[in-house]
Amino acid sequence: MGGVLTGTGQAGHARDLRQVLAEFPTGVTVLSTMAPGGPVGMTSSAVTSLSLDPMLMLACVHRSSSTLALILEAGRFGISVLGSDAEAVSEAFAQGPPLERFRRVPYRTERGVPLLRDALACLTCEVFDTHPGGDHTMLVGRVTGAARAGGAAGTPLVRHRGSYRSLG
């Protein structure tokens, strides 16, 4: 499988890689923590389970993210899995000042972290480890709590080819 990267220079290769990776659908989540000024969060699709024994989650966050710095300072974070009707929530948590994002959506606090009330599923994590990963930091969280939303089945919000999709 040669010739995948057709652009010239690092920027061209990165653009090509982004186009290739757009073929891989990913779930959409909100990573959150409690900062001294209140709850903060950000949209993330780079979240996955890492281990069941011990129970670990992996989230990759850009090194320059102010939310990452606040998660590391707090030592804990939440993961809210967005449902297919939550495109506006995803957009709200992807832009604007981090401290403003929670003013637009209902949330609850569990184990010291804010979680979105209307999420399909939520997890709480303690920071277990971090690893450098290029322009991102790999954040490993030890799961301290996990629950589905009220037992009701829902369809997740998914990103594929640069657009939101639903599996339902």
Protein backbone atom coordinates (compact mmCIF):
# COMPACT_ATOMS: atom_id res chain seq x y z
CA MET A 1 0.00 0.00 0.00
CA GLY A 2 2.43 2.65 -1.16
CA GLY A 3 1.89 6.20 -2.26
CA VAL A 4 -0.69 7.16 0.37
CA LEU A 5 1.04 10.42 1.32
CA THR A 6 0.96 12.51 -1.84
CA GLY A 7 1.40 16.02 -0.46
CA THR A 8 4.77 17.71 -0.35
CA GLY A 9 6.47 18.51 2.93
CA GLN A 10 5.20 17.88 6.43
CA ALA A 11 2.06 20.01 5.99
CA GLY A 12 1.10 18.14 2.82
CA HIS A 13 1.63 14.77 4.47
CA ALA A 14 -0.40 15.84 7.52
CA ARG A 15 -3.27 16.93 5.24
CA ASP A 16 -3.16 13.59 3.43
CA LEU A 17 -3.10 11.68 6.71
CA ARG A 18 -6.08 13.68 7.97
CA GLN A 19 -8.01 12.68 4.80
CA VAL A 20 -7.12 9.01 5.28
CA LEU A 21 -8.09 9.06 8.95
CA ALA A 22 -11.43 10.71 8.08
CA GLU A 23 -12.45 7.27 6.79
CA PHE A 24 -12.29 5.96 10.37
CA PRO A 25 -15.53 6.83 12.21
CA THR A 26 -15.07 7.95 15.79
CA GLY A 27 -17.42 8.57 18.68
CA VAL A 28 -17.80 12.08 20.06
CA THR A 29 -17.28 12.80 23.75
CA VAL A 30 -16.82 15.71 26.09
CA LEU A 31 -13.80 15.57 28.41
CA SER A 32 -14.34 17.60 31.57
CA THR A 33 -12.88 18.55 34.91
CA MET A 34 -13.53 20.97 37.75
CA ALA A 35 -11.28 24.02 37.64
CA PRO A 36 -10.92 26.68 40.34
CA GLY A 37 -13.32 28.91 38.34
CA GLY A 38 -15.90 26.16 37.74
CA PRO A 39 -16.46 23.28 35.33
CA VAL A 40 -14.48 23.16 32.08
CA GLY A 41 -14.64 20.79 29.14
CA MET A 42 -13.79 20.14 25.53
CA THR A 43 -15.06 18.03 22.65
CA SER A 44 -12.88 15.00 21.91
CA SER A 45 -13.09 12.09 19.50
CA ALA A 46 -9.69 10.69 20.52
CA VAL A 47 -11.05 8.63 23.43
CA THR A 48 -11.05 4.85 23.79
CA SER A 49 -10.97 2.08 26.36
CA LEU A 50 -7.46 0.92 27.14
CA SER A 51 -7.73 -1.88 29.69
CA LEU A 52 -10.29 -3.81 31.74
CA ASP A 53 -7.80 -4.98 34.36
CA PRO A 54 -7.09 -2.43 35.61
CA MET A 55 -9.99 -0.39 34.17
CA LEU A 56 -8.27 2.33 32.13
CA MET A 57 -9.36 4.86 29.52
CA LEU A 58 -7.18 6.71 27.01
CA ALA A 59 -7.79 10.27 25.84
CA CYS A 60 -5.45 12.17 23.54
CA VAL A 61 -5.46 15.93 24.04
CA HIS A 62 -3.44 18.63 22.25
CA ARG A 63 -0.46 19.67 24.38
CA SER A 64 -1.48 23.35 24.27
CA SER A 65 -5.04 22.70 25.47
CA SER A 66 -5.99 24.74 28.52
CA THR A 67 -8.42 21.93 29.42
CA LEU A 68 -5.53 19.44 29.50
CA ALA A 69 -3.62 21.67 31.91
CA LEU A 70 -6.69 21.90 34.17
CA ILE A 71 -7.26 18.12 34.05
CA LEU A 72 -3.66 17.53 35.09
CA GLU A 73 -3.98 20.10 37.87
CA ALA A 74 -7.22 18.53 39.18
CA GLY A 75 -5.93 14.96 38.81
CA ARG A 76 -9.31 13.71 37.55
CA PHE A 77 -11.61 14.02 34.57
CA GLY A 78 -14.95 12.95 33.20
CA ILE A 79 -15.94 11.48 29.84
CA SER A 80 -19.48 12.12 28.58
CA VAL A 81 -20.46 10.09 25.49
CA LEU A 82 -22.67 12.24 23.27
CA GLY A 83 -25.86 10.98 21.66
CA SER A 84 -26.86 11.52 18.04
CA ASP A 85 -28.97 14.55 18.98
CA ALA A 86 -26.02 16.40 20.57
CA GLU A 87 -24.32 18.08 17.59
CA ALA A 88 -24.91 21.51 19.13
CA VAL A 89 -23.34 20.36 22.39
CA SER A 90 -20.32 19.04 20.52
CA GLU A 91 -19.92 22.37 18.73
CA ALA A 92 -20.36 24.35 21.97
CA PHE A 93 -17.57 22.40 23.65
CA ALA A 94 -15.29 22.72 20.62
CA GLN A 95 -15.15 26.51 20.64
CA GLY A 96 -15.23 29.51 22.92
CA PRO A 97 -13.72 30.05 26.34
CA PRO A 98 -13.56 26.80 28.36
CA LEU A 99 -15.27 28.32 31.41
CA GLU A 100 -18.27 29.40 29.28
CA ARG A 101 -19.03 25.99 27.78
CA PHE A 102 -20.89 24.47 30.75
CA ARG A 103 -23.21 27.49 31.02
CA ARG A 104 -25.12 26.20 27.97
CA VAL A 105 -25.83 22.60 29.03
CA PRO A 106 -27.22 20.83 32.10
CA TYR A 107 -24.66 18.83 34.07
CA ARG A 108 -24.18 17.04 37.35
CA THR A 109 -21.05 16.53 39.43
CA GLU A 110 -19.87 13.04 40.37
CA ARG A 111 -16.62 12.15 42.09
CA GLY A 112 -15.51 15.76 41.72
CA VAL A 113 -16.00 16.06 37.94
CA PRO A 114 -18.80 17.58 35.87
CA LEU A 115 -20.70 15.19 33.57
CA LEU A 116 -23.32 16.09 30.97
CA ARG A 117 -26.82 15.13 32.13
CA ASP A 118 -28.04 14.18 28.65
CA ALA A 119 -25.04 12.00 27.72
CA LEU A 120 -25.55 8.40 26.61
CA ALA A 121 -22.91 7.22 29.05
CA CYS A 122 -20.47 8.81 31.49
CA LEU A 123 -17.22 7.80 33.12
CA THR A 124 -15.20 9.37 35.88
CA CYS A 125 -11.44 8.85 35.93
CA GLU A 126 -8.40 9.67 38.02
CA VAL A 127 -5.28 10.59 36.09
CA PHE A 128 -3.23 7.38 36.14
CA ASP A 129 -0.42 8.32 33.74
CA THR A 130 0.50 10.60 30.85
CA HIS A 131 2.70 10.04 27.82
CA PRO A 132 3.93 12.43 25.13
CA GLY A 133 2.49 11.73 21.70
CA GLY A 134 3.75 14.25 19.15
CA ASP A 135 1.61 17.38 19.42
CA HIS A 136 -0.72 15.60 21.87
CA THR A 137 -0.52 14.18 25.37
CA MET A 138 -1.88 10.69 25.93
CA LEU A 139 -3.89 10.89 29.11
CA VAL A 140 -4.48 7.55 30.83
CA GLY A 141 -7.32 7.57 33.33
CA ARG A 142 -8.18 4.95 35.95
CA VAL A 143 -11.95 4.50 35.83
CA THR A 144 -13.60 5.35 39.17
CA GLY A 145 -17.20 5.27 37.94
CA ALA A 146 -19.16 4.37 34.80
CA ALA A 147 -22.87 4.44 33.95
CA ARG A 148 -25.23 4.39 31.02
CA ALA A 149 -27.92 7.07 30.87
CA GLY A 150 -30.94 5.85 32.75
CA GLY A 151 -30.77 2.41 31.17
CA ALA A 152 -32.27 3.82 27.98
CA ALA A 153 -30.65 2.74 24.74
CA GLY A 154 -29.54 5.55 22.47
CA THR A 155 -27.45 6.06 19.39
CA PRO A 156 -24.08 7.75 19.67
CA LEU A 157 -22.91 10.83 17.82
CA VAL A 158 -20.16 9.86 15.37
CA ARG A 159 -17.71 11.84 13.20
CA HIS A 160 -16.94 10.42 9.77
CA ARG A 161 -15.44 12.19 6.76
CA GLY A 162 -15.56 15.50 8.60
CA SER A 163 -19.29 15.38 9.36
CA TYR A 164 -21.52 14.24 12.17
CA ARG A 165 -23.27 10.92 11.64
CA SER A 166 -25.66 8.73 13.56
CA LEU A 167 -25.59 4.96 13.72
CA GLY A 168 -29.38 4.89 14.14
